[in-house]
Amino acid sequence: MEKQEQDGLLDGEFKYKKNIDGTINKRVVICTHCSKEFQFHRSNSTLKYHLNAKHAFVGAAASPSLRQTTLSERRPLGKSSLDKLTDNIAKWIAKDCRLLSIVEDKGFADVLKVASQDASYKPPARSTITIRIHELYETEKKKKEEALVHTECVALTGDHWTSLSNDNYLGVTAHLITEAWGLTSFALTIMKTEERHFAEACAEQFQTVARRWRIEEKVTTVGTDSARNMIAAARIMPFNHMPCTAHILQRCITVSLADSGFVTALAKCRKIVGHFKHSPANTAELNAEQVSLGRKQEPLAQDVPTRWNSTLEMVKRLIRNQTAVTATLDKQKHKLVLLTPPEWDKLQRLETLLEPCRYVTELLGGEAYVSCSVVLPAFCHLRRVMEVTDEDPAYVVRFKEKFKEDLASRQEHTNYAWLQIATALDPRFKDLRSVPKTDREAVWTTLAGMLHEDSPRRSHTAEEGPAKKRLSLLQMDSDSESEEEVQQDRAIQRYRAEPCTALEDCPLQWWAAHAGAHSQLARLARRYLATPASTVPCERLFSVAGHIVNKKRSALHSENVDKLVCLSNWLKDE
């Protein structure tokens, strides 16, 4: 009888509780697995949940309806989820320079099925991704246009690039300081050009870009390399020209090396590096020798004339691996002329000479921080480093003297006046120690004149009356300083009285905190400190373009190249 009454309790997983006198209490049941008591009112729901929660190995068989849903049983993605996934695929392709055909790859579809937990999911078609990329471009372009609308000054950098398919492009980047005193830069275009790179054509191309983005009245400087056509184009354009100081520095290094005693040693270095770079077997033997000496396996580097600091990198790697290189070559049959001990000593000295140049080049090539105001202090540092000492041998003396001479001659062709004002407006260098003492007061005088020109013109309305107009005219013709000029001189003096900040401090953060106290100078600081010192940002744009216009996409339309390069640049910080 007792057994028959318990048959309904999940096949004996629970049993009724017995009272002390041996009778059965049908209102309380006990779990046969954990002896836990439950109130029972002829409903098994609570008992089933207990089995699934505490005794899954039993609950799975007892109540299959309560088992967890498997991957194959997941519902298909909804429309909003599908649209969001498609948008992110398009954004990923544009941001990381992927091929559009990747959506047709079977492996890509399998990955998305697992990620979405939807076995029926199919990736969007190429045409859909193309449409989404065009929509994304328009959305991001509006954000950049809005940033340009809310700024007063914009600096440009530009250069030409030839693609794998032998098409010419002009890349242009914009640099500005936001209302919150943040330095930002982004690509404006990488525009295909059909004309020859004559000065008139180059000038018209830059002005066309400025008109398209409606910033003709806001452009302050245009940074280019020091090619003759670019210098001539800068004379035609109504903007200030800022030659790339990094190009200038690298050209000084090339000229100085050609007129020194390092030529023979460097020629031998190139032969030795080529011996290993052109033979996998030789490279394997060098790696084995490095391991036997307990050193890290490191390939040698060949210098390239168009690659900055590549000569220094070649020399440094050879010096680090001198023992391994010498031991490997001693075991091989070759026709190389090896470096002599004095030549190894020359390489050590050359590394010491070129290391400061590498540091300055990388410093001037940054776009995430203010670089224009660093040019004159950096050049001043290099001149001090290149001072001749009594311990210098003759070939080092020739290198240093040639370097200083060439740097001085090239510095005359930079926008020296702009660099001086930018240095004065940087609270780190406003003491102007990098400017000759005879020129320092002239810089502040020029800055005071700019404040006078930048001050709002007082208009004479009809309400002022003829008397006030005549008095103002008499004041303008007077030799005594006006009240406005006195205020401007006081503004300069207050700024000069401020202590210089540390070198590691950000000048824009200083201006954000002191813009209220120096409101007149703050406007000039936005104008001058936004200018980059080099065209490296544009060169980085061409690196992205090289990933996009590759062998598989050499026939890509120029409009699509423009949109993909710009999108990759705009989305890089997201």
Protein backbone atom coordinates (compact mmCIF):
# COMPACT_ATOMS: atom_id res chain seq x y z
CA MET A 1 0.00 0.00 0.00
CA GLU A 2 2.80 2.41 0.94
CA LYS A 3 4.68 1.63 -2.28
CA GLN A 4 1.62 2.26 -4.43
CA GLU A 5 1.12 5.67 -2.83
CA GLN A 6 4.71 6.69 -3.54
CA ASP A 7 4.73 5.64 -7.23
CA GLY A 8 3.60 9.10 -8.24
CA LEU A 9 6.54 10.77 -6.54
CA LEU A 10 8.96 10.78 -9.50
CA ASP A 11 9.79 7.07 -9.58
CA GLY A 12 10.87 6.87 -5.97
CA GLU A 13 13.09 9.95 -5.94
CA PHE A 14 11.00 11.17 -2.98
CA LYS A 15 9.20 9.34 -0.20
CA TYR A 16 6.61 10.27 2.36
CA LYS A 17 7.76 11.07 5.86
CA LYS A 18 6.83 8.60 8.59
CA ASN A 19 5.49 9.82 11.89
CA ILE A 20 6.82 8.55 15.24
CA ASP A 21 3.90 6.19 15.65
CA GLY A 22 4.68 4.57 12.27
CA THR A 23 1.90 6.26 10.27
CA ILE A 24 2.60 8.07 6.95
CA ASN A 25 2.50 11.90 6.75
CA LYS A 26 1.33 12.59 3.20
CA ARG A 27 1.92 16.36 3.54
CA VAL A 28 5.73 16.06 3.86
CA VAL A 29 8.11 14.30 1.46
CA ILE A 30 11.84 13.57 1.79
CA CYS A 31 14.42 13.57 -1.03
CA THR A 32 16.06 10.17 -1.25
CA HIS A 33 19.36 11.77 -2.36
CA CYS A 34 19.89 14.51 0.20
CA SER A 35 17.15 13.77 2.81
CA LYS A 36 15.77 17.28 2.52
CA GLU A 37 12.11 17.70 3.52
CA PHE A 38 9.50 19.45 1.36
CA GLN A 39 5.86 20.33 1.91
CA PHE A 40 3.76 18.30 -0.53
CA HIS A 41 0.33 19.33 -1.76
CA ARG A 42 -0.11 16.88 -4.66
CA SER A 43 2.06 19.05 -7.01
CA ASN A 44 5.46 17.84 -8.25
CA SER A 45 6.76 21.24 -9.58
CA THR A 46 8.87 22.05 -6.53
CA LEU A 47 10.25 18.55 -6.45
CA LYS A 48 11.25 18.69 -10.14
CA TYR A 49 13.08 22.01 -9.70
CA HIS A 50 14.95 20.55 -6.73
CA LEU A 51 16.12 17.59 -8.80
CA ASN A 52 17.31 19.81 -11.69
CA ALA A 53 19.09 22.23 -9.35
CA LYS A 54 20.71 19.82 -6.90
CA HIS A 55 20.73 16.45 -8.63
CA ALA A 56 21.13 17.18 -12.33
CA PHE A 57 22.15 13.64 -13.20
CA VAL A 58 18.66 12.62 -12.08
CA GLY A 59 16.77 15.76 -13.05
CA ALA A 60 17.81 15.58 -16.69
CA ALA A 61 16.08 12.21 -17.05
CA ALA A 62 13.19 13.08 -14.77
CA SER A 63 12.27 16.43 -16.37
CA PRO A 64 13.62 16.81 -19.90
CA SER A 65 11.54 19.95 -20.40
CA LEU A 66 13.75 21.82 -17.90
CA ARG A 67 17.10 21.05 -19.54
CA GLN A 68 19.25 23.97 -20.79
CA THR A 69 18.72 24.91 -24.43
CA THR A 70 21.58 23.69 -26.65
CA LEU A 71 23.35 25.74 -29.35
CA SER A 72 21.35 24.12 -32.13
CA GLU A 73 18.11 25.08 -30.43
CA ARG A 74 18.95 28.85 -30.25
CA ARG A 75 16.57 31.16 -32.01
CA PRO A 76 17.78 32.91 -35.20
CA LEU A 77 19.11 36.48 -34.88
CA GLY A 78 16.58 39.28 -35.11
CA LYS A 79 16.68 42.09 -37.68
CA SER A 80 18.28 44.61 -35.31
CA SER A 81 21.00 42.13 -34.35
CA LEU A 82 21.65 41.30 -38.01
CA ASP A 83 21.96 45.00 -38.90
CA LYS A 84 24.31 45.62 -36.01
CA LEU A 85 26.48 42.67 -37.00
CA THR A 86 26.57 43.82 -40.64
CA ASP A 87 27.57 47.34 -39.59
CA ASN A 88 30.40 46.00 -37.46
CA ILE A 89 31.66 43.78 -40.29
CA ALA A 90 31.74 46.81 -42.60
CA LYS A 91 33.52 48.86 -39.94
CA TRP A 92 36.09 46.10 -39.37
CA ILE A 93 36.81 45.80 -43.11
CA ALA A 94 37.27 49.57 -43.46
CA LYS A 95 39.29 50.01 -40.26
CA ASP A 96 41.74 47.14 -40.74
CA CYS A 97 42.05 47.35 -44.55
CA ARG A 98 40.48 43.93 -45.23
CA LEU A 99 39.28 42.68 -48.62
CA LEU A 100 35.58 42.92 -49.37
CA SER A 101 35.69 39.36 -50.67
CA ILE A 102 36.33 38.09 -47.15
CA VAL A 103 32.54 37.91 -46.63
CA GLU A 104 32.45 35.18 -49.28
CA ASP A 105 35.00 32.98 -47.52
CA LYS A 106 33.52 29.77 -46.11
CA GLY A 107 35.76 29.86 -43.08
CA PHE A 108 34.61 33.40 -42.25
CA ALA A 109 30.98 32.23 -42.43
CA ASP A 110 31.73 29.34 -40.06
CA VAL A 111 33.34 31.69 -37.54
CA LEU A 112 30.31 33.99 -37.60
CA LYS A 113 27.95 31.03 -37.09
CA VAL A 114 29.80 30.05 -33.94
CA ALA A 115 30.08 33.65 -32.71
CA SER A 116 26.40 34.40 -33.30
CA GLN A 117 25.30 30.94 -32.07
CA ASP A 118 23.06 30.78 -35.10
CA ALA A 119 23.72 27.83 -37.41
CA SER A 120 21.52 29.39 -40.11
CA TYR A 121 23.40 32.72 -40.22
CA LYS A 122 24.77 33.81 -43.61
CA PRO A 123 27.26 36.69 -43.98
CA PRO A 124 26.06 39.77 -45.87
CA ALA A 125 26.78 40.07 -49.58
CA ARG A 126 29.63 42.20 -50.92
CA SER A 127 27.16 44.72 -52.31
CA THR A 128 25.61 45.15 -48.86
CA ILE A 129 29.02 45.71 -47.25
CA THR A 130 29.90 48.22 -49.99
CA ILE A 131 26.74 50.20 -49.27
CA ARG A 132 27.41 50.15 -45.52
CA ILE A 133 31.01 51.35 -46.04
CA HIS A 134 29.79 54.29 -48.14
CA GLU A 135 27.23 55.13 -45.45
CA LEU A 136 29.89 54.87 -42.76
CA TYR A 137 32.13 57.22 -44.74
CA GLU A 138 29.41 59.87 -44.98
CA THR A 139 28.68 59.56 -41.25
CA GLU A 140 32.32 59.93 -40.24
CA LYS A 141 32.88 62.73 -42.74
CA LYS A 142 30.11 64.78 -41.15
CA LYS A 143 31.88 64.43 -37.79
CA LYS A 144 35.11 65.76 -39.29
CA GLU A 145 33.29 68.61 -41.02
CA GLU A 146 31.70 69.55 -37.70
CA ALA A 147 35.12 69.58 -36.03
CA LEU A 148 36.41 71.90 -38.77
CA VAL A 149 33.41 74.21 -38.37
CA HIS A 150 34.11 74.70 -34.67
CA THR A 151 37.77 75.62 -35.09
CA GLU A 152 39.37 78.87 -36.19
CA CYS A 153 42.70 77.58 -37.50
CA VAL A 154 43.67 74.46 -39.44
CA ALA A 155 47.17 73.35 -40.46
CA LEU A 156 47.63 71.03 -43.44
CA THR A 157 50.33 68.59 -44.48
CA GLY A 158 50.53 67.08 -47.94
CA ASP A 159 52.65 64.97 -50.21
CA HIS A 160 52.39 62.87 -53.36
CA TRP A 161 52.39 59.09 -53.53
CA THR A 162 52.52 56.56 -56.39
CA SER A 163 50.46 53.41 -55.97
CA LEU A 164 51.27 49.85 -57.02
CA SER A 165 49.23 50.40 -60.19
CA ASN A 166 51.38 53.48 -61.02
CA ASP A 167 48.65 56.01 -60.18
CA ASN A 168 49.54 59.33 -58.56
CA TYR A 169 47.74 60.49 -55.41
CA LEU A 170 47.90 63.60 -53.25
CA GLY A 171 47.44 62.92 -49.55
CA VAL A 172 46.38 65.75 -47.25
CA THR A 173 45.95 65.70 -43.46
CA ALA A 174 44.41 68.35 -41.17
CA HIS A 175 45.68 69.37 -37.73
CA LEU A 176 43.82 71.54 -35.25
CA ILE A 177 43.36 72.32 -31.57
CA THR A 178 39.85 71.75 -30.26
CA GLU A 179 37.88 74.02 -27.94
CA ALA A 180 38.94 71.80 -25.03
CA TRP A 181 42.61 72.30 -25.99
CA GLY A 182 43.07 68.85 -27.43
CA LEU A 183 45.34 68.31 -30.42
CA THR A 184 43.65 66.28 -33.13
CA SER A 185 44.62 65.28 -36.65
CA PHE A 186 42.88 63.32 -39.39
CA ALA A 187 43.02 62.67 -43.12
CA LEU A 188 41.13 64.97 -45.47
CA THR A 189 41.68 63.13 -48.72
CA ILE A 190 43.95 60.99 -50.80
CA MET A 191 43.07 62.41 -54.18
CA LYS A 192 44.10 60.95 -57.52
CA THR A 193 45.97 63.43 -59.70
CA GLU A 194 46.39 63.32 -63.46
CA GLU A 195 48.58 66.38 -64.03
CA ARG A 196 52.35 66.53 -63.82
CA HIS A 197 53.64 67.82 -60.51
CA PHE A 198 54.36 71.35 -61.64
CA ALA A 199 54.13 74.11 -59.06
CA GLU A 200 50.89 75.58 -60.43
CA ALA A 201 49.17 72.17 -60.47
CA CYS A 202 50.31 71.35 -56.92
CA ALA A 203 49.08 74.71 -55.61
CA GLU A 204 45.70 74.25 -57.30
CA GLN A 205 45.34 70.76 -55.83
CA PHE A 206 45.88 72.00 -52.27
CA GLN A 207 43.42 74.85 -52.78
CA THR A 208 40.86 72.41 -54.24
CA VAL A 209 41.05 70.30 -51.09
CA ALA A 210 40.59 73.41 -48.93
CA ARG A 211 37.53 74.46 -50.96
CA ARG A 212 35.95 71.02 -50.75
CA TRP A 213 36.18 71.08 -46.97
CA ARG A 214 35.28 74.81 -46.81
CA ILE A 215 38.38 75.80 -44.85
CA GLU A 216 39.99 78.27 -47.27
CA GLU A 217 39.85 81.06 -44.68
CA LYS A 218 41.02 78.84 -41.82
CA VAL A 219 44.19 77.27 -43.25
CA THR A 220 47.29 78.67 -41.54
CA THR A 221 50.17 76.56 -42.86
CA VAL A 222 50.77 73.86 -45.45
CA GLY A 223 53.55 71.43 -44.61
CA THR A 224 55.42 69.74 -47.47
CA ASP A 225 58.86 68.39 -48.20
CA SER A 226 61.58 70.63 -49.57
CA ALA A 227 61.22 69.60 -53.22
CA ARG A 228 61.55 72.51 -55.61
CA ASN A 229 58.07 72.15 -57.04
CA MET A 230 56.57 72.19 -53.53
CA ILE A 231 58.55 75.27 -52.54
CA ALA A 232 57.43 77.02 -55.73
CA ALA A 233 53.83 75.93 -55.12
CA ALA A 234 53.99 77.38 -51.60
CA ARG A 235 54.83 80.78 -53.06
CA ILE A 236 51.66 80.66 -55.15
CA MET A 237 49.31 79.58 -52.35
CA PRO A 238 47.91 82.17 -49.91
CA PHE A 239 49.03 80.04 -46.94
CA ASN A 240 52.24 79.95 -44.91
CA HIS A 241 54.65 77.20 -45.92
CA MET A 242 56.19 74.88 -43.32
CA PRO A 243 58.99 72.72 -44.80
CA CYS A 244 59.33 69.29 -43.23
CA THR A 245 62.05 69.60 -40.60
CA ALA A 246 62.51 65.84 -40.41
CA HIS A 247 63.39 65.76 -44.12
CA ILE A 248 65.84 68.60 -43.51
CA LEU A 249 67.55 66.72 -40.70
CA GLN A 250 67.86 63.50 -42.68
CA ARG A 251 69.29 65.40 -45.64
CA CYS A 252 71.92 66.93 -43.34
CA ILE A 253 72.93 63.43 -42.21
CA THR A 254 73.26 62.19 -45.79
CA VAL A 255 75.40 65.16 -46.83
CA SER A 256 77.62 64.89 -43.75
CA LEU A 257 78.22 61.15 -44.23
CA ALA A 258 79.24 61.69 -47.84
CA ASP A 259 81.87 64.23 -46.78
CA SER A 260 83.48 62.28 -43.93
CA GLY A 261 85.66 59.26 -43.28
CA PHE A 262 82.77 56.82 -42.76
CA VAL A 263 82.14 56.05 -46.44
CA THR A 264 84.48 53.04 -46.75
CA ALA A 265 83.35 51.46 -43.48
CA LEU A 266 79.67 51.85 -44.40
CA ALA A 267 80.27 50.32 -47.84
CA LYS A 268 81.77 47.24 -46.17
CA CYS A 269 78.82 47.09 -43.78
CA ARG A 270 76.36 47.02 -46.67
CA LYS A 271 78.28 44.18 -48.33
CA ILE A 272 78.34 42.14 -45.13
CA VAL A 273 74.63 42.67 -44.48
CA GLY A 274 73.82 41.78 -48.08
CA HIS A 275 75.84 38.58 -47.74
CA PHE A 276 73.45 37.37 -45.04
CA LYS A 277 70.23 38.98 -46.27
CA HIS A 278 70.46 37.39 -49.74
CA SER A 279 71.20 33.86 -48.54
CA PRO A 280 68.90 31.88 -46.20
CA ALA A 281 71.73 29.43 -45.56
CA ASN A 282 74.07 32.20 -44.41
CA THR A 283 71.32 33.63 -42.22
CA ALA A 284 70.73 30.21 -40.62
CA GLU A 285 74.44 29.87 -39.83
CA LEU A 286 74.45 33.35 -38.26
CA ASN A 287 71.43 32.48 -36.13
CA ALA A 288 73.09 29.27 -34.97
CA GLU A 289 76.20 31.23 -34.02
CA GLN A 290 74.11 33.75 -32.08
CA VAL A 291 72.48 30.93 -30.12
CA SER A 292 75.83 29.30 -29.35
CA LEU A 293 77.06 32.63 -27.97
CA GLY A 294 73.98 32.94 -25.79
CA ARG A 295 72.62 35.94 -27.66
CA LYS A 296 69.17 36.66 -29.02
CA GLN A 297 68.56 35.69 -32.64
CA GLU A 298 68.44 38.99 -34.49
CA PRO A 299 68.50 39.60 -38.27
CA LEU A 300 70.82 42.22 -39.68
CA ALA A 301 69.32 45.39 -41.16
CA GLN A 302 70.23 46.96 -44.49
CA ASP A 303 70.16 50.73 -44.81
CA VAL A 304 67.91 52.28 -47.45
CA PRO A 305 68.46 55.87 -48.68
CA THR A 306 64.76 56.74 -48.36
CA ARG A 307 64.27 55.11 -44.95
CA TRP A 308 65.11 57.43 -42.10
CA ASN A 309 67.58 56.23 -39.47
CA SER A 310 68.21 53.00 -41.41
CA THR A 311 71.98 53.64 -41.47
CA LEU A 312 72.01 53.92 -37.70
CA GLU A 313 69.97 50.72 -37.34
CA MET A 314 72.37 48.83 -39.64
CA VAL A 315 75.37 49.99 -37.63
CA LYS A 316 73.77 49.20 -34.26
CA ARG A 317 72.84 45.65 -35.23
CA LEU A 318 76.27 44.95 -36.66
CA ILE A 319 77.94 46.20 -33.48
CA ARG A 320 75.64 44.11 -31.28
CA ASN A 321 76.38 41.01 -33.34
CA GLN A 322 80.04 41.71 -34.10
CA THR A 323 81.29 38.50 -32.50
CA ALA A 324 78.65 36.31 -34.15
CA VAL A 325 79.16 37.91 -37.58
CA THR A 326 82.94 37.60 -37.41
CA ALA A 327 82.79 33.97 -36.24
CA THR A 328 80.31 33.02 -38.96
CA LEU A 329 82.33 34.63 -41.72
CA ASP A 330 85.53 32.94 -40.50
CA LYS A 331 83.86 29.55 -41.11
CA GLN A 332 82.69 30.42 -44.64
CA LYS A 333 84.36 30.86 -48.00
CA HIS A 334 83.60 34.34 -49.29
CA LYS A 335 85.15 37.32 -51.09
CA LEU A 336 84.08 39.96 -48.60
CA VAL A 337 86.50 42.56 -47.32
CA LEU A 338 86.03 42.47 -43.56
CA LEU A 339 86.01 45.44 -41.25
CA THR A 340 89.28 46.23 -39.51
CA PRO A 341 89.49 47.09 -35.79
CA PRO A 342 89.85 50.83 -36.55
CA GLU A 343 86.74 50.64 -38.74
CA TRP A 344 84.79 48.94 -35.95
CA ASP A 345 85.85 51.85 -33.78
CA LYS A 346 84.55 54.24 -36.45
CA LEU A 347 81.17 52.51 -36.34
CA GLN A 348 81.06 52.97 -32.57
CA ARG A 349 81.68 56.69 -32.98
CA LEU A 350 79.13 56.93 -35.79
CA GLU A 351 76.49 55.35 -33.58
CA THR A 352 77.18 58.00 -30.95
CA LEU A 353 76.83 60.75 -33.58
CA LEU A 354 73.62 59.47 -35.16
CA GLU A 355 71.71 58.50 -32.02
CA PRO A 356 70.74 62.11 -31.12
CA CYS A 357 69.61 62.62 -34.73
CA ARG A 358 67.35 59.57 -34.49
CA TYR A 359 65.83 60.87 -31.26
CA VAL A 360 65.12 64.29 -32.75
CA THR A 361 63.68 62.79 -35.95
CA GLU A 362 61.21 60.67 -33.99
CA LEU A 363 60.39 63.63 -31.76
CA LEU A 364 59.58 65.88 -34.71
CA GLY A 365 57.53 63.17 -36.43
CA GLY A 366 54.85 62.89 -33.76
CA GLU A 367 51.28 64.05 -34.39
CA ALA A 368 49.70 63.30 -30.99
CA TYR A 369 51.57 66.16 -29.31
CA VAL A 370 52.80 69.68 -30.09
CA SER A 371 55.89 69.44 -32.30
CA CYS A 372 56.27 72.80 -34.06
CA SER A 373 57.53 74.55 -30.93
CA VAL A 374 60.14 71.81 -30.40
CA VAL A 375 62.00 72.43 -33.68
CA LEU A 376 64.30 75.25 -32.57
CA PRO A 377 65.16 73.67 -29.17
CA ALA A 378 65.84 70.35 -30.95
CA PHE A 379 68.14 71.98 -33.51
CA CYS A 380 69.89 73.84 -30.70
CA HIS A 381 70.43 70.51 -28.93
CA LEU A 382 71.95 68.99 -32.06
CA ARG A 383 74.33 71.92 -32.48
CA ARG A 384 75.57 71.41 -28.92
CA VAL A 385 76.00 67.68 -29.50
CA MET A 386 77.99 68.37 -32.65
CA GLU A 387 80.47 70.67 -30.92
CA VAL A 388 84.05 69.57 -31.66
CA THR A 389 86.09 68.25 -28.72
CA ASP A 390 89.81 67.60 -28.30
CA GLU A 391 89.26 63.82 -28.31
CA ASP A 392 87.56 63.80 -31.72
CA PRO A 393 89.58 62.29 -34.58
CA ALA A 394 89.78 64.13 -37.90
CA TYR A 395 86.92 62.25 -39.59
CA VAL A 396 84.58 63.01 -36.68
CA VAL A 397 85.56 66.67 -36.80
CA ARG A 398 84.74 66.78 -40.53
CA PHE A 399 81.36 65.16 -39.92
CA LYS A 400 80.42 67.57 -37.12
CA GLU A 401 81.53 70.69 -38.97
CA LYS A 402 79.74 69.67 -42.14
CA PHE A 403 76.60 68.78 -40.21
CA LYS A 404 76.44 72.16 -38.44
CA GLU A 405 77.18 74.03 -41.65
CA ASP A 406 74.54 72.21 -43.64
CA LEU A 407 71.94 72.46 -40.86
CA ALA A 408 72.49 76.22 -40.57
CA SER A 409 72.08 76.75 -44.32
CA ARG A 410 68.90 74.66 -44.46
CA GLN A 411 67.43 76.30 -41.37
CA GLU A 412 67.48 79.61 -43.21
CA HIS A 413 65.00 78.18 -45.73
CA THR A 414 62.51 77.10 -43.06
CA ASN A 415 59.67 79.30 -41.84
CA TYR A 416 61.94 80.62 -39.13
CA ALA A 417 59.60 83.43 -38.03
CA TRP A 418 56.74 80.97 -37.50
CA LEU A 419 58.99 78.63 -35.51
CA GLN A 420 60.13 81.49 -33.27
CA ILE A 421 56.57 82.53 -32.41
CA ALA A 422 55.57 78.89 -31.79
CA THR A 423 58.54 78.49 -29.43
CA ALA A 424 57.60 81.65 -27.54
CA LEU A 425 54.00 80.42 -27.12
CA ASP A 426 55.13 77.10 -25.65
CA PRO A 427 55.38 77.53 -21.85
CA ARG A 428 58.24 75.02 -21.80
CA PHE A 429 60.50 77.08 -24.09
CA LYS A 430 59.23 80.64 -23.69
CA ASP A 431 62.58 81.70 -22.25
CA LEU A 432 63.77 81.48 -25.90
CA ARG A 433 67.15 79.99 -25.03
CA SER A 434 67.13 78.27 -28.42
CA VAL A 435 66.97 81.70 -30.12
CA PRO A 436 70.04 83.96 -30.35
CA LYS A 437 70.07 86.61 -27.62
CA THR A 438 70.05 89.40 -30.19
CA ASP A 439 66.76 88.12 -31.65
CA ARG A 440 64.78 87.41 -28.47
CA GLU A 441 63.31 90.86 -27.89
CA ALA A 442 62.42 91.08 -31.58
CA VAL A 443 60.32 87.91 -31.15
CA TRP A 444 58.31 89.50 -28.33
CA THR A 445 57.95 92.71 -30.32
CA THR A 446 56.58 90.72 -33.24
CA LEU A 447 54.22 88.88 -30.92
CA ALA A 448 52.95 92.20 -29.53
CA GLY A 449 52.31 93.40 -33.07
CA MET A 450 50.31 90.25 -33.75
CA LEU A 451 48.19 90.94 -30.68
CA HIS A 452 47.46 94.40 -32.03
CA GLU A 453 46.45 93.01 -35.43
CA ASP A 454 44.43 90.20 -33.85
CA SER A 455 42.50 92.51 -31.51
CA PRO A 456 38.90 93.28 -32.55
CA ARG A 457 38.61 96.51 -34.51
CA ARG A 458 36.58 99.15 -32.81
CA SER A 459 33.91 100.28 -35.21
CA HIS A 460 32.67 103.86 -35.08
CA THR A 461 28.91 103.89 -35.18
CA ALA A 462 26.65 106.84 -35.86
CA GLU A 463 25.78 107.09 -32.17
CA GLU A 464 29.38 108.01 -31.31
CA GLY A 465 29.00 111.32 -33.04
CA PRO A 466 31.56 113.33 -35.04
CA ALA A 467 33.41 114.51 -31.92
CA LYS A 468 34.36 111.00 -30.81
CA LYS A 469 35.43 110.09 -34.33
CA ARG A 470 37.75 113.10 -34.52
CA LEU A 471 39.22 112.30 -31.10
CA SER A 472 39.91 108.70 -32.08
CA LEU A 473 41.61 109.85 -35.28
CA LEU A 474 43.81 112.25 -33.32
CA GLN A 475 44.73 109.40 -30.96
CA MET A 476 45.69 107.16 -33.89
CA ASP A 477 48.03 109.82 -35.28
CA SER A 478 49.65 110.49 -31.92
CA ASP A 479 53.12 109.17 -31.08
CA SER A 480 52.07 108.14 -27.58
CA GLU A 481 50.92 104.58 -26.90
CA SER A 482 47.20 103.97 -26.90
CA GLU A 483 45.42 102.27 -24.03
CA GLU A 484 45.02 99.16 -26.20
CA GLU A 485 48.76 98.97 -26.89
CA VAL A 486 49.51 99.35 -23.19
CA GLN A 487 47.17 96.46 -22.40
CA GLN A 488 48.84 94.31 -25.03
CA ASP A 489 52.28 95.05 -23.60
CA ARG A 490 50.98 94.13 -20.17
CA ALA A 491 49.60 90.88 -21.57
CA ILE A 492 53.04 90.01 -22.93
CA GLN A 493 54.72 90.89 -19.66
CA ARG A 494 52.27 88.81 -17.62
CA TYR A 495 52.90 85.82 -19.85
CA ARG A 496 56.68 86.25 -19.70
CA ALA A 497 56.50 86.44 -15.90
CA GLU A 498 54.92 83.00 -15.74
CA PRO A 499 57.45 80.27 -14.78
CA CYS A 500 58.50 77.82 -17.47
CA THR A 501 56.99 74.38 -17.19
CA ALA A 502 58.85 71.07 -17.18
CA LEU A 503 59.86 69.51 -20.48
CA GLU A 504 57.59 66.52 -19.94
CA ASP A 505 54.52 68.73 -19.37
CA CYS A 506 51.95 69.22 -22.11
CA PRO A 507 51.76 72.86 -23.29
CA LEU A 508 48.11 72.47 -24.28
CA GLN A 509 47.17 71.45 -20.75
CA TRP A 510 48.92 74.57 -19.51
CA TRP A 511 46.96 76.73 -21.93
CA ALA A 512 43.72 75.01 -20.96
CA ALA A 513 44.35 76.07 -17.36
CA HIS A 514 45.62 79.59 -18.17
CA ALA A 515 43.59 80.57 -21.22
CA GLY A 516 41.40 82.83 -19.09
CA ALA A 517 44.38 84.74 -17.71
CA HIS A 518 46.00 85.10 -21.15
CA SER A 519 42.96 85.23 -23.43
CA GLN A 520 44.64 87.31 -26.15
CA LEU A 521 47.68 85.05 -26.41
CA ALA A 522 45.52 81.92 -26.21
CA ARG A 523 44.08 82.63 -29.67
CA LEU A 524 47.58 82.86 -31.12
CA ALA A 525 48.59 79.68 -29.29
CA ARG A 526 45.77 77.78 -31.01
CA ARG A 527 46.99 79.12 -34.34
CA TYR A 528 50.70 78.38 -33.99
CA LEU A 529 50.89 75.26 -31.83
CA ALA A 530 48.59 73.24 -34.12
CA THR A 531 51.16 73.23 -36.93
CA PRO A 532 53.09 69.93 -37.18
CA ALA A 533 56.86 70.07 -37.55
CA SER A 534 57.00 67.45 -40.31
CA THR A 535 54.97 65.69 -42.99
CA VAL A 536 55.23 62.34 -41.21
CA PRO A 537 51.42 62.22 -40.65
CA CYS A 538 50.99 62.26 -44.42
CA GLU A 539 53.61 59.54 -44.81
CA ARG A 540 51.66 57.37 -42.38
CA LEU A 541 48.62 57.89 -44.59
CA PHE A 542 50.55 56.42 -47.52
CA SER A 543 51.45 53.37 -45.44
CA VAL A 544 47.73 52.71 -44.98
CA ALA A 545 47.13 53.29 -48.70
CA GLY A 546 49.81 50.71 -49.49
CA HIS A 547 47.90 48.09 -47.50
CA ILE A 548 44.69 48.92 -49.39
CA VAL A 549 45.99 49.23 -52.96
CA ASN A 550 47.81 45.90 -53.00
CA LYS A 551 48.23 43.30 -55.73
CA LYS A 552 44.74 41.92 -55.21
CA ARG A 553 43.18 45.38 -55.41
CA SER A 554 45.44 47.21 -57.82
CA ALA A 555 42.43 48.13 -60.00
CA LEU A 556 40.50 49.71 -57.12
CA HIS A 557 38.68 52.88 -58.18
CA SER A 558 40.31 56.10 -56.95
CA GLU A 559 37.10 57.21 -55.18
CA ASN A 560 37.03 53.96 -53.22
CA VAL A 561 40.72 54.35 -52.39
CA ASP A 562 39.99 57.79 -50.98
CA LYS A 563 37.11 56.56 -48.84
CA LEU A 564 38.86 53.45 -47.55
CA VAL A 565 42.08 55.27 -46.62
CA CYS A 566 40.20 58.07 -44.89
CA LEU A 567 37.95 55.64 -43.01
CA SER A 568 40.91 53.59 -41.81
CA ASN A 569 42.51 56.81 -40.55
CA TRP A 570 39.33 58.13 -38.93
CA LEU A 571 38.51 54.87 -37.16
CA LYS A 572 42.00 54.12 -35.85
CA ASP A 573 41.32 55.52 -32.36
CA GLU A 574 37.95 53.80 -31.86
